Protein backbone atom coordinates (compact mmCIF):
# COMPACT_ATOMS: atom_id res chain seq x y z
CA UNK A 1 -73.58 -6.99 -92.25
CA UNK A 2 -75.91 -8.60 -93.98
CA UNK A 3 -74.83 -7.52 -97.73
CA UNK A 4 -71.95 -5.85 -97.13
CA UNK A 5 -69.27 -7.62 -95.33
CA UNK A 6 -68.94 -10.03 -98.65
CA UNK A 7 -66.11 -12.81 -99.16
CA UNK A 8 -64.28 -11.87 -95.89
CA UNK A 9 -63.05 -14.77 -93.81
CA UNK A 10 -61.93 -13.13 -90.23
CA UNK A 11 -58.98 -15.21 -88.61
CA UNK A 12 -58.88 -13.84 -84.94
CA UNK A 13 -56.32 -15.18 -82.28
CA UNK A 14 -56.63 -14.02 -78.82
CA UNK A 15 -54.71 -14.98 -76.10
CA UNK A 16 -53.23 -13.96 -72.54
CA UNK A 17 -55.31 -11.17 -71.72
CA UNK A 18 -57.04 -9.70 -68.53
CA UNK A 19 -60.43 -8.24 -69.66
CA UNK A 20 -62.00 -6.81 -66.50
CA UNK A 21 -64.74 -4.47 -65.24
CA UNK A 22 -66.12 -2.77 -68.65
CA UNK A 23 -69.61 -1.97 -67.85
CA UNK A 24 -71.00 -3.03 -71.39
CA UNK A 25 -69.90 -6.31 -71.77
CA UNK A 26 -66.29 -8.15 -72.62
CA UNK A 27 -66.05 -9.87 -75.82
CA UNK A 28 -67.94 -9.33 -78.74
CA UNK A 29 -68.13 -11.43 -81.60
CA UNK A 30 -70.55 -11.17 -84.57
CA UNK A 31 -70.59 -12.04 -88.15
CA UNK A 32 -73.50 -11.54 -91.08
CA UNK A 33 -73.33 -12.13 -94.84
CA UNK A 34 -72.94 -16.02 -95.15
CA UNK A 35 -74.58 -16.18 -98.37
CA UNK A 36 -71.42 -14.03 -99.79
CA UNK A 37 -68.97 -15.49 -98.31
CA UNK A 38 -68.26 -14.36 -95.15
CA UNK A 39 -67.08 -15.96 -91.76
CA UNK A 40 -65.12 -15.66 -88.72
CA UNK A 41 -62.86 -18.37 -86.78
CA UNK A 42 -61.83 -16.90 -83.53
CA UNK A 43 -59.62 -18.86 -81.12
CA UNK A 44 -59.46 -18.23 -77.35
CA UNK A 45 -56.34 -18.82 -74.78
CA UNK A 46 -55.48 -18.17 -71.79
CA UNK A 47 -57.90 -15.36 -71.36
CA UNK A 48 -59.25 -14.02 -68.41
CA UNK A 49 -62.96 -12.11 -67.99
CA UNK A 50 -64.25 -10.83 -65.12
CA UNK A 51 -67.03 -8.24 -63.87
CA UNK A 52 -67.70 -7.17 -67.43
CA UNK A 53 -70.93 -6.21 -65.69
CA UNK A 54 -71.34 -2.85 -64.31
CA UNK A 55 -72.82 0.62 -64.44
CA UNK A 56 -71.06 3.13 -66.97
CA UNK A 57 -71.54 6.92 -67.42
CA UNK A 58 -74.80 8.37 -67.04
CA UNK A 59 -75.89 5.30 -65.69
CA UNK A 60 -76.21 2.93 -68.27
CA UNK A 61 -76.14 -0.45 -67.92
CA UNK A 62 -75.21 -3.73 -70.25
CA UNK A 63 -76.12 -7.07 -70.05
CA UNK A 64 -72.92 -8.25 -68.15
CA UNK A 65 -72.04 -10.95 -70.51
CA UNK A 66 -68.43 -12.33 -70.88
CA UNK A 67 -68.27 -13.53 -74.21
CA UNK A 68 -71.28 -12.26 -76.29
CA UNK A 69 -71.53 -14.27 -79.96
CA UNK A 70 -74.51 -13.69 -81.92
CA UNK A 71 -75.91 -13.58 -85.66
CA UNK A 72 -78.63 -11.58 -86.93
CA UNK A 73 -79.51 -14.96 -89.47
CA UNK A 74 -76.58 -14.70 -91.66
CA UNK A 75 -73.42 -15.69 -90.44
CA UNK A 76 -70.68 -18.04 -89.74
CA UNK A 77 -68.82 -18.35 -86.40
CA UNK A 78 -66.71 -21.01 -85.55
CA UNK A 79 -65.53 -19.84 -81.87
CA UNK A 80 -63.08 -21.61 -79.61
CA UNK A 81 -62.16 -21.14 -75.89
CA UNK A 82 -59.23 -22.99 -73.97
CA UNK A 83 -57.47 -22.46 -70.50
CA UNK A 84 -59.93 -19.77 -69.99
CA UNK A 85 -61.60 -18.29 -66.84
CA UNK A 86 -64.51 -16.51 -66.86
CA UNK A 87 -66.36 -14.85 -63.45
CA UNK A 88 -68.21 -12.44 -62.15
CA UNK A 89 -70.80 -12.01 -65.05
CA UNK A 90 -74.76 -12.42 -65.64
CA UNK A 91 -74.02 -14.05 -68.72
CA UNK A 92 -70.55 -16.10 -68.78
CA UNK A 93 -71.00 -16.92 -72.06
CA UNK A 94 -74.39 -16.57 -74.47
CA UNK A 95 -75.03 -17.52 -78.14
CA UNK A 96 -77.74 -16.21 -79.67
CA UNK A 97 -79.10 -15.72 -83.47
CA UNK A 98 -81.26 -12.71 -84.31
CA UNK A 99 -82.60 -13.72 -87.45
CA UNK A 100 -85.82 -14.36 -88.05
CA UNK A 101 -85.35 -17.12 -90.50
CA UNK A 102 -81.82 -17.98 -89.63
CA UNK A 103 -79.26 -19.45 -92.15
CA UNK A 104 -76.57 -18.95 -89.92
CA UNK A 105 -73.87 -21.35 -89.10
CA UNK A 106 -72.33 -21.85 -85.05
CA UNK A 107 -69.17 -24.27 -84.16
CA UNK A 108 -68.57 -22.94 -80.50
CA UNK A 109 -66.47 -25.42 -77.94
CA UNK A 110 -65.07 -24.68 -74.11
CA UNK A 111 -62.85 -26.68 -73.05
CA UNK A 112 -60.78 -26.71 -69.79
CA UNK A 113 -61.24 -23.86 -68.90
CA UNK A 114 -63.28 -21.77 -65.22
CA UNK A 115 -66.65 -20.69 -65.58
CA UNK A 116 -67.47 -19.45 -61.77
CA UNK A 117 -69.41 -16.82 -60.46
CA UNK A 118 -71.41 -16.28 -63.50
CA UNK A 119 -74.45 -16.51 -61.05
CA UNK A 120 -76.94 -14.07 -61.97
CA UNK A 121 -77.98 -16.19 -64.83
CA UNK A 122 -76.01 -18.79 -66.60
CA UNK A 123 -72.46 -19.60 -66.70
CA UNK A 124 -73.20 -20.52 -70.79
CA UNK A 125 -76.61 -19.89 -72.44
CA UNK A 126 -77.21 -21.17 -75.45
CA UNK A 127 -80.24 -19.24 -76.99
CA UNK A 128 -80.00 -21.71 -80.99
CA UNK A 129 -82.08 -24.34 -80.80
CA UNK A 130 -80.59 -27.13 -82.89
CA UNK A 131 -77.41 -26.35 -82.28
CA UNK A 132 -75.17 -27.49 -79.38
CA UNK A 133 -72.36 -25.85 -78.01
CA UNK A 134 -69.59 -28.38 -76.62
CA UNK A 135 -68.60 -26.98 -72.76
CA UNK A 136 -66.94 -30.66 -72.05
CA UNK A 137 -64.15 -30.72 -69.47
CA UNK A 138 -64.54 -27.30 -67.54
CA UNK A 139 -64.68 -26.20 -63.87
CA UNK A 140 -68.21 -24.90 -62.85
CA UNK A 141 -67.29 -23.98 -59.44
CA UNK A 142 -68.49 -27.09 -57.67
CA UNK A 143 -66.91 -30.82 -57.74
CA UNK A 144 -70.83 -31.39 -58.58
CA UNK A 145 -71.00 -29.69 -61.68
CA UNK A 146 -73.49 -27.36 -62.78
CA UNK A 147 -76.37 -26.89 -62.48
CA UNK A 148 -79.36 -27.95 -64.48
CA UNK A 149 -81.95 -30.19 -64.50
CA UNK A 150 -79.76 -33.21 -66.15
CA UNK A 151 -77.35 -32.33 -63.55
CA UNK A 152 -79.47 -33.05 -60.16
CA UNK A 153 -77.33 -32.24 -57.63
CA UNK A 154 -75.00 -29.94 -59.57
CA UNK A 155 -74.80 -26.69 -57.73
CA UNK A 156 -72.00 -24.52 -59.99
CA UNK A 157 -72.58 -21.93 -62.60
CA UNK A 158 -76.33 -22.89 -64.20
CA UNK A 159 -76.30 -23.76 -67.81
CA UNK A 160 -79.17 -23.84 -70.05
CA UNK A 161 -79.99 -26.35 -72.57
CA UNK A 162 -78.67 -27.13 -75.75
CA UNK A 163 -75.26 -27.62 -74.06
CA UNK A 164 -73.36 -30.29 -73.32
CA UNK A 165 -71.51 -30.43 -69.63
CA UNK A 166 -70.21 -33.47 -69.72
CA UNK A 167 -66.67 -34.48 -67.85
CA UNK A 168 -67.35 -31.50 -66.19
CA UNK A 169 -64.09 -31.98 -63.49
CA UNK A 170 -64.25 -31.62 -59.72
CA UNK A 171 -61.36 -29.42 -59.40
CA UNK A 172 -60.39 -26.14 -61.10
CA UNK A 173 -58.18 -26.80 -64.28
CA UNK A 174 -56.42 -23.71 -63.72
CA UNK A 175 -55.34 -21.80 -60.78
CA UNK A 176 -58.81 -19.52 -59.81
CA UNK A 177 -57.47 -15.72 -59.83
CA UNK A 178 -55.76 -14.46 -56.24
CA UNK A 179 -58.72 -12.81 -54.45
CA UNK A 180 -58.83 -8.69 -54.00
CA UNK A 181 -56.23 -7.92 -50.80
CA UNK A 182 -58.11 -7.30 -47.65
CA UNK A 183 -59.32 -3.82 -47.12
CA UNK A 184 -56.98 -1.76 -44.51
CA UNK A 185 -57.90 -0.48 -41.02
CA UNK A 186 -58.59 3.42 -41.61
CA UNK A 187 -56.35 5.66 -39.85
CA UNK A 188 -57.93 7.73 -37.15
CA UNK A 189 -57.66 11.22 -37.23
CA UNK A 190 -57.21 13.86 -35.03
CA UNK A 191 -59.61 17.07 -36.07
CA UNK A 192 -58.20 20.33 -35.83
CA UNK A 193 -60.28 23.88 -36.21
CA UNK A 194 -60.73 27.02 -34.35
CA UNK A 195 -58.52 29.91 -32.37
CA UNK A 196 -54.91 28.44 -31.24
CA UNK A 197 -54.10 30.57 -28.50
CA UNK A 198 -50.98 28.66 -26.79
CA UNK A 199 -47.85 27.12 -28.20
CA UNK A 200 -49.32 24.26 -30.68
CA UNK A 201 -47.31 21.23 -31.91
CA UNK A 202 -48.99 19.02 -34.20
CA UNK A 203 -47.12 15.35 -33.76
CA UNK A 204 -46.79 13.28 -36.34
CA UNK A 205 -48.16 10.50 -34.20
CA UNK A 206 -51.81 12.44 -34.01
CA UNK A 207 -51.33 12.49 -38.16
CA UNK A 208 -53.50 12.87 -39.54
CA UNK A 209 -54.96 15.96 -39.10
CA UNK A 210 -58.74 16.78 -40.34
CA UNK A 211 -59.42 20.29 -40.62
CA UNK A 212 -63.42 20.95 -39.31
CA UNK A 213 -63.64 24.40 -39.21
CA UNK A 214 -61.14 27.74 -39.91
CA UNK A 215 -58.23 27.65 -37.91
CA UNK A 216 -57.19 31.09 -36.49
CA UNK A 217 -53.69 31.19 -35.18
CA UNK A 218 -53.86 34.83 -32.36
CA UNK A 219 -50.85 36.82 -33.07
CA UNK A 220 -48.23 36.32 -30.46
CA UNK A 221 -48.51 32.68 -30.43
């Protein structure tokens, strides 16, 4: 945090992970104390982020963000993303600056990736004015490209202002994740309960059996 990090330069490489179904979000990237030399340089490649958007213990909910990148006004963040699949969030990638007056630096590039099904709000949302997220050469879920006023007819994931989405691909550059298997046909069960007063055979063909009340076997049966 600002005033505490000092001259620490962090270099991160995160590759080939499957990060999914976390209620509080996927990956958070934050830096502070640029003034004293702090910085983060993070490289992400080949990761799949999906459905980090749900309900946690006690009904807690997160913002549904896949990659959350921000500072509080004094950070230095470089983040590159390639060959990623980011799907099923409110925000696929979210960039923001919470400083009242900011000295932060940002460089965010996303290429050759699938940004699909982040339809609640944005596939990529950049809230930092004066800085452009480089998101060229990606698949947005439709050959028409992302949804944005500057791209009439685009029906893929929505992008905010301050995002360069030019050169979008007409087909996914990466194989899409396999769909979940279809739900099987539920079994037909046989209910049992009450008194058994005659010889009875519970057959495998009639299984499974569901006991719906107390079962009493009369003497001599």
